[in-house]
Amino acid sequence: MNITRYMKEHTELIKTAILKGGKKELAELRELHRRRIEYMQHERLVHLLVTLTVAVLMVMSLILMVIHTKPEVLVLLVLLLVLLIPYIFHYFFLENTVQEWYKLMDEIEKHIK
């Protein structure tokens, strides 16, 4: 599953439905959107934990590199850095998209009332 595409498609679905939907459809949409927000909050938490773990391991390998200048430690440090950068970008995508979804939920609520 491509989570980025999934989130973008859901965002477009919600934006389109807000413009076209009546109160009944928006009430159903609100429940669907609420469930998807819950899924993504879990996804966001998992990615935060993974990102923090990789960052801590990278800092530990950096400290080890300073103490023992060995090529193996440098390789480990570079590999962790290469892994950490995409994790950070993906985590920020998740974070920003979920915050955008909160605003969309407010829009749905506004149109229902």
N, C-alpha and C. Protein backbone atom coordinates (compact mmCIF):
# COMPACT_ATOMS: atom_id res chain seq x y z
N MET A 1 0.84 -1.18 0.00
CA MET A 1 0.00 0.00 0.00
C MET A 1 0.89 1.24 0.00
N ASN A 2 0.60 2.14 -0.89
CA ASN A 2 1.32 3.40 -0.95
C ASN A 2 0.55 4.41 -0.09
N ILE A 3 1.03 4.65 1.10
CA ILE A 3 0.32 5.50 2.06
C ILE A 3 0.22 6.94 1.59
N THR A 4 1.22 7.41 0.86
CA THR A 4 1.20 8.78 0.35
C THR A 4 0.05 8.94 -0.64
N ARG A 5 -0.06 8.01 -1.57
CA ARG A 5 -1.14 8.08 -2.55
C ARG A 5 -2.50 7.92 -1.87
N TYR A 6 -2.58 7.01 -0.92
CA TYR A 6 -3.81 6.78 -0.17
C TYR A 6 -4.29 8.06 0.51
N MET A 7 -3.37 8.77 1.14
CA MET A 7 -3.72 10.00 1.85
C MET A 7 -4.11 11.11 0.88
N LYS A 8 -3.40 11.21 -0.23
CA LYS A 8 -3.73 12.23 -1.22
C LYS A 8 -5.10 11.97 -1.85
N GLU A 9 -5.38 10.70 -2.16
CA GLU A 9 -6.68 10.35 -2.74
C GLU A 9 -7.82 10.64 -1.75
N HIS A 10 -7.59 10.33 -0.49
CA HIS A 10 -8.63 10.59 0.51
C HIS A 10 -8.86 12.10 0.66
N THR A 11 -7.79 12.86 0.65
CA THR A 11 -7.92 14.32 0.76
C THR A 11 -8.77 14.86 -0.39
N GLU A 12 -8.49 14.41 -1.60
CA GLU A 12 -9.27 14.87 -2.76
C GLU A 12 -10.72 14.42 -2.66
N LEU A 13 -10.95 13.20 -2.19
CA LEU A 13 -12.31 12.70 -2.00
C LEU A 13 -13.09 13.60 -1.05
N ILE A 14 -12.47 13.94 0.06
CA ILE A 14 -13.13 14.77 1.06
C ILE A 14 -13.41 16.17 0.51
N LYS A 15 -12.43 16.77 -0.14
CA LYS A 15 -12.61 18.11 -0.69
C LYS A 15 -13.74 18.14 -1.72
N THR A 16 -13.79 17.14 -2.58
CA THR A 16 -14.85 17.06 -3.59
C THR A 16 -16.21 16.84 -2.94
N ALA A 17 -16.26 15.95 -1.95
CA ALA A 17 -17.53 15.64 -1.29
C ALA A 17 -18.06 16.83 -0.51
N ILE A 18 -17.20 17.62 0.06
CA ILE A 18 -17.64 18.82 0.80
C ILE A 18 -18.37 19.77 -0.14
N LEU A 19 -17.84 19.91 -1.34
CA LEU A 19 -18.44 20.83 -2.30
C LEU A 19 -19.78 20.30 -2.85
N LYS A 20 -19.92 18.98 -2.97
CA LYS A 20 -21.09 18.41 -3.62
C LYS A 20 -22.12 17.82 -2.67
N GLY A 21 -21.73 17.46 -1.46
CA GLY A 21 -22.59 16.66 -0.60
C GLY A 21 -23.66 17.42 0.15
N GLY A 22 -24.75 16.69 0.43
CA GLY A 22 -25.79 17.21 1.30
C GLY A 22 -25.50 16.82 2.73
N LYS A 23 -26.41 17.19 3.64
CA LYS A 23 -26.15 16.93 5.06
C LYS A 23 -26.03 15.45 5.37
N LYS A 24 -26.89 14.62 4.77
CA LYS A 24 -26.84 13.18 5.05
C LYS A 24 -25.53 12.59 4.55
N GLU A 25 -25.15 12.94 3.33
CA GLU A 25 -23.90 12.43 2.77
C GLU A 25 -22.70 12.91 3.57
N LEU A 26 -22.77 14.16 4.02
CA LEU A 26 -21.65 14.70 4.81
C LEU A 26 -21.56 14.04 6.18
N ALA A 27 -22.70 13.65 6.74
CA ALA A 27 -22.67 12.95 8.03
C ALA A 27 -21.99 11.59 7.87
N GLU A 28 -22.28 10.89 6.78
CA GLU A 28 -21.62 9.61 6.51
C GLU A 28 -20.13 9.83 6.23
N LEU A 29 -19.86 10.88 5.48
CA LEU A 29 -18.48 11.22 5.16
C LEU A 29 -17.69 11.55 6.43
N ARG A 30 -18.32 12.22 7.36
CA ARG A 30 -17.66 12.57 8.62
C ARG A 30 -17.19 11.32 9.35
N GLU A 31 -18.04 10.29 9.37
CA GLU A 31 -17.65 9.05 10.07
C GLU A 31 -16.50 8.35 9.36
N LEU A 32 -16.56 8.31 8.03
CA LEU A 32 -15.46 7.73 7.27
C LEU A 32 -14.17 8.50 7.53
N HIS A 33 -14.26 9.81 7.49
CA HIS A 33 -13.09 10.66 7.69
C HIS A 33 -12.54 10.49 9.10
N ARG A 34 -13.40 10.39 10.07
CA ARG A 34 -12.97 10.19 11.45
C ARG A 34 -12.18 8.88 11.60
N ARG A 35 -12.68 7.82 10.97
CA ARG A 35 -11.98 6.53 11.03
C ARG A 35 -10.60 6.62 10.36
N ARG A 36 -10.56 7.30 9.23
CA ARG A 36 -9.28 7.43 8.52
C ARG A 36 -8.30 8.27 9.33
N ILE A 37 -8.79 9.27 10.02
CA ILE A 37 -7.91 10.07 10.89
C ILE A 37 -7.34 9.18 11.99
N GLU A 38 -8.17 8.33 12.57
CA GLU A 38 -7.69 7.42 13.62
C GLU A 38 -6.61 6.49 13.07
N TYR A 39 -6.80 5.96 11.86
CA TYR A 39 -5.79 5.09 11.25
C TYR A 39 -4.48 5.83 11.08
N MET A 40 -4.58 7.05 10.59
CA MET A 40 -3.36 7.81 10.31
C MET A 40 -2.68 8.30 11.58
N GLN A 41 -3.44 8.52 12.64
CA GLN A 41 -2.81 8.88 13.91
C GLN A 41 -1.95 7.71 14.41
N HIS A 42 -2.46 6.50 14.22
CA HIS A 42 -1.67 5.32 14.60
C HIS A 42 -0.43 5.21 13.72
N GLU A 43 -0.62 5.39 12.43
CA GLU A 43 0.49 5.34 11.49
C GLU A 43 1.55 6.39 11.84
N ARG A 44 1.09 7.57 12.18
CA ARG A 44 1.98 8.67 12.53
C ARG A 44 2.78 8.34 13.79
N LEU A 45 2.13 7.74 14.78
CA LEU A 45 2.83 7.36 16.01
C LEU A 45 3.91 6.31 15.73
N VAL A 46 3.58 5.32 14.93
CA VAL A 46 4.56 4.28 14.60
C VAL A 46 5.75 4.89 13.88
N HIS A 47 5.49 5.78 12.92
CA HIS A 47 6.60 6.40 12.19
C HIS A 47 7.42 7.32 13.08
N LEU A 48 6.80 7.97 14.03
CA LEU A 48 7.55 8.79 14.97
C LEU A 48 8.51 7.92 15.79
N LEU A 49 8.01 6.80 16.28
CA LEU A 49 8.85 5.90 17.08
C LEU A 49 10.01 5.34 16.25
N VAL A 50 9.74 4.95 15.02
CA VAL A 50 10.79 4.42 14.16
C VAL A 50 11.82 5.51 13.85
N THR A 51 11.35 6.70 13.53
CA THR A 51 12.25 7.81 13.22
C THR A 51 13.13 8.16 14.41
N LEU A 52 12.52 8.22 15.59
CA LEU A 52 13.31 8.52 16.79
C LEU A 52 14.33 7.42 17.08
N THR A 53 13.95 6.18 16.87
CA THR A 53 14.88 5.07 17.10
C THR A 53 16.07 5.16 16.16
N VAL A 54 15.81 5.40 14.89
CA VAL A 54 16.90 5.52 13.92
C VAL A 54 17.77 6.74 14.26
N ALA A 55 17.17 7.84 14.68
CA ALA A 55 17.94 9.03 15.04
C ALA A 55 18.83 8.76 16.25
N VAL A 56 18.30 8.08 17.24
CA VAL A 56 19.10 7.75 18.44
C VAL A 56 20.25 6.83 18.05
N LEU A 57 19.98 5.84 17.23
CA LEU A 57 21.06 4.94 16.79
C LEU A 57 22.11 5.69 15.99
N MET A 58 21.68 6.66 15.20
CA MET A 58 22.64 7.45 14.43
C MET A 58 23.53 8.30 15.36
N VAL A 59 22.92 8.92 16.36
CA VAL A 59 23.70 9.71 17.31
C VAL A 59 24.67 8.82 18.08
N MET A 60 24.19 7.63 18.46
CA MET A 60 25.09 6.70 19.16
C MET A 60 26.26 6.28 18.27
N SER A 61 25.98 6.05 17.00
CA SER A 61 27.08 5.67 16.10
C SER A 61 28.01 6.86 15.84
N LEU A 62 27.48 8.07 15.87
CA LEU A 62 28.33 9.25 15.74
C LEU A 62 29.27 9.37 16.94
N ILE A 63 28.74 9.16 18.12
CA ILE A 63 29.57 9.18 19.33
C ILE A 63 30.62 8.09 19.27
N LEU A 64 30.21 6.90 18.82
CA LEU A 64 31.16 5.80 18.68
C LEU A 64 32.25 6.13 17.65
N MET A 65 31.85 6.84 16.60
CA MET A 65 32.80 7.24 15.57
C MET A 65 33.84 8.21 16.13
N VAL A 66 33.40 9.11 17.00
CA VAL A 66 34.33 10.07 17.61
C VAL A 66 35.29 9.34 18.55
N ILE A 67 34.77 8.36 19.29
CA ILE A 67 35.62 7.63 20.25
C ILE A 67 36.56 6.68 19.52
N HIS A 68 36.01 5.88 18.59
CA HIS A 68 36.80 4.89 17.86
C HIS A 68 36.65 5.18 16.37
N THR A 69 37.65 5.78 15.80
CA THR A 69 37.56 6.10 14.37
C THR A 69 37.86 4.85 13.55
N LYS A 70 36.78 4.09 13.31
CA LYS A 70 36.91 2.87 12.51
C LYS A 70 36.02 3.02 11.27
N PRO A 71 36.45 2.47 10.16
CA PRO A 71 35.65 2.58 8.94
C PRO A 71 34.28 1.89 9.04
N GLU A 72 34.20 0.83 9.83
CA GLU A 72 32.93 0.13 9.98
C GLU A 72 31.88 1.03 10.63
N VAL A 73 32.31 1.81 11.59
CA VAL A 73 31.40 2.72 12.27
C VAL A 73 30.96 3.82 11.32
N LEU A 74 31.86 4.29 10.49
CA LEU A 74 31.52 5.31 9.51
C LEU A 74 30.47 4.78 8.52
N VAL A 75 30.62 3.54 8.10
CA VAL A 75 29.64 2.92 7.20
C VAL A 75 28.28 2.85 7.88
N LEU A 76 28.27 2.44 9.13
CA LEU A 76 27.02 2.38 9.88
C LEU A 76 26.38 3.76 10.01
N LEU A 77 27.21 4.75 10.30
CA LEU A 77 26.72 6.12 10.43
C LEU A 77 26.10 6.62 9.13
N VAL A 78 26.76 6.37 8.02
CA VAL A 78 26.24 6.81 6.73
C VAL A 78 24.95 6.08 6.39
N LEU A 79 24.89 4.79 6.64
CA LEU A 79 23.67 4.02 6.37
C LEU A 79 22.49 4.53 7.20
N LEU A 80 22.73 4.81 8.45
CA LEU A 80 21.65 5.33 9.30
C LEU A 80 21.21 6.73 8.85
N LEU A 81 22.15 7.54 8.43
CA LEU A 81 21.81 8.87 7.93
C LEU A 81 20.97 8.77 6.67
N VAL A 82 21.37 7.88 5.77
CA VAL A 82 20.61 7.67 4.52
C VAL A 82 19.21 7.16 4.83
N LEU A 83 19.06 6.38 5.86
CA LEU A 83 17.75 5.87 6.26
C LEU A 83 16.94 6.95 6.98
N LEU A 84 17.59 7.75 7.77
CA LEU A 84 16.89 8.75 8.58
C LEU A 84 16.26 9.87 7.75
N ILE A 85 16.94 10.31 6.73
CA ILE A 85 16.43 11.44 5.94
C ILE A 85 15.06 11.15 5.33
N PRO A 86 14.87 10.02 4.62
CA PRO A 86 13.51 9.75 4.10
C PRO A 86 12.48 9.55 5.20
N TYR A 87 12.88 8.97 6.33
CA TYR A 87 11.95 8.81 7.45
C TYR A 87 11.45 10.17 7.94
N ILE A 88 12.34 11.12 8.04
CA ILE A 88 11.96 12.46 8.50
C ILE A 88 10.98 13.10 7.52
N PHE A 89 11.29 13.02 6.23
CA PHE A 89 10.39 13.61 5.24
C PHE A 89 9.02 12.93 5.26
N HIS A 90 9.02 11.61 5.37
CA HIS A 90 7.74 10.90 5.39
C HIS A 90 6.96 11.22 6.66
N TYR A 91 7.64 11.32 7.78
CA TYR A 91 6.94 11.66 9.01
C TYR A 91 6.31 13.05 8.92
N PHE A 92 7.03 14.00 8.36
CA PHE A 92 6.47 15.34 8.23
C PHE A 92 5.30 15.37 7.25
N PHE A 93 5.36 14.53 6.20
CA PHE A 93 4.22 14.42 5.30
C PHE A 93 3.00 13.90 6.06
N LEU A 94 3.19 12.85 6.86
CA LEU A 94 2.08 12.31 7.66
C LEU A 94 1.53 13.36 8.61
N GLU A 95 2.41 14.03 9.30
CA GLU A 95 2.01 15.04 10.28
C GLU A 95 1.22 16.17 9.62
N ASN A 96 1.74 16.70 8.54
CA ASN A 96 1.07 17.82 7.87
C ASN A 96 -0.26 17.40 7.25
N THR A 97 -0.32 16.20 6.70
CA THR A 97 -1.56 15.73 6.09
C THR A 97 -2.63 15.50 7.15
N VAL A 98 -2.27 14.91 8.26
CA VAL A 98 -3.26 14.69 9.32
C VAL A 98 -3.76 16.03 9.86
N GLN A 99 -2.89 17.00 9.98
CA GLN A 99 -3.34 18.33 10.41
C GLN A 99 -4.27 18.96 9.37
N GLU A 100 -3.99 18.74 8.10
CA GLU A 100 -4.90 19.21 7.05
C GLU A 100 -6.25 18.50 7.16
N TRP A 101 -6.22 17.21 7.50
CA TRP A 101 -7.46 16.45 7.67
C TRP A 101 -8.28 16.99 8.84
N TYR A 102 -7.62 17.48 9.88
CA TYR A 102 -8.35 18.10 10.99
C TYR A 102 -9.13 19.31 10.49
N LYS A 103 -8.49 20.09 9.64
CA LYS A 103 -9.18 21.26 9.07
C LYS A 103 -10.34 20.84 8.18
N LEU A 104 -10.15 19.76 7.43
CA LEU A 104 -11.24 19.26 6.60
C LEU A 104 -12.41 18.77 7.46
N MET A 105 -12.08 18.18 8.60
CA MET A 105 -13.14 17.74 9.52
C MET A 105 -13.93 18.96 10.01
N ASP A 106 -13.23 20.05 10.29
CA ASP A 106 -13.92 21.28 10.69
C ASP A 106 -14.83 21.79 9.57
N GLU A 107 -14.37 21.68 8.33
CA GLU A 107 -15.19 22.09 7.19
C GLU A 107 -16.44 21.22 7.08
N ILE A 108 -16.27 19.92 7.25
CA ILE A 108 -17.43 19.02 7.21
C ILE A 108 -18.42 19.39 8.29
N GLU A 109 -17.92 19.60 9.50
CA GLU A 109 -18.79 19.98 10.62
C GLU A 109 -19.55 21.29 10.32
N LYS A 110 -18.84 22.24 9.74
CA LYS A 110 -19.43 23.53 9.41
C LYS A 110 -20.56 23.37 8.39
N HIS A 111 -20.37 22.51 7.39
CA HIS A 111 -21.38 22.31 6.36
C HIS A 111 -22.57 21.51 6.88
N ILE A 112 -22.35 20.66 7.87
CA ILE A 112 -23.47 19.88 8.43
C ILE A 112 -24.38 20.77 9.24
N LYS A 113 -23.81 21.73 9.98
CA LYS A 113 -24.61 22.60 10.85
C LYS A 113 -25.33 23.67 10.12
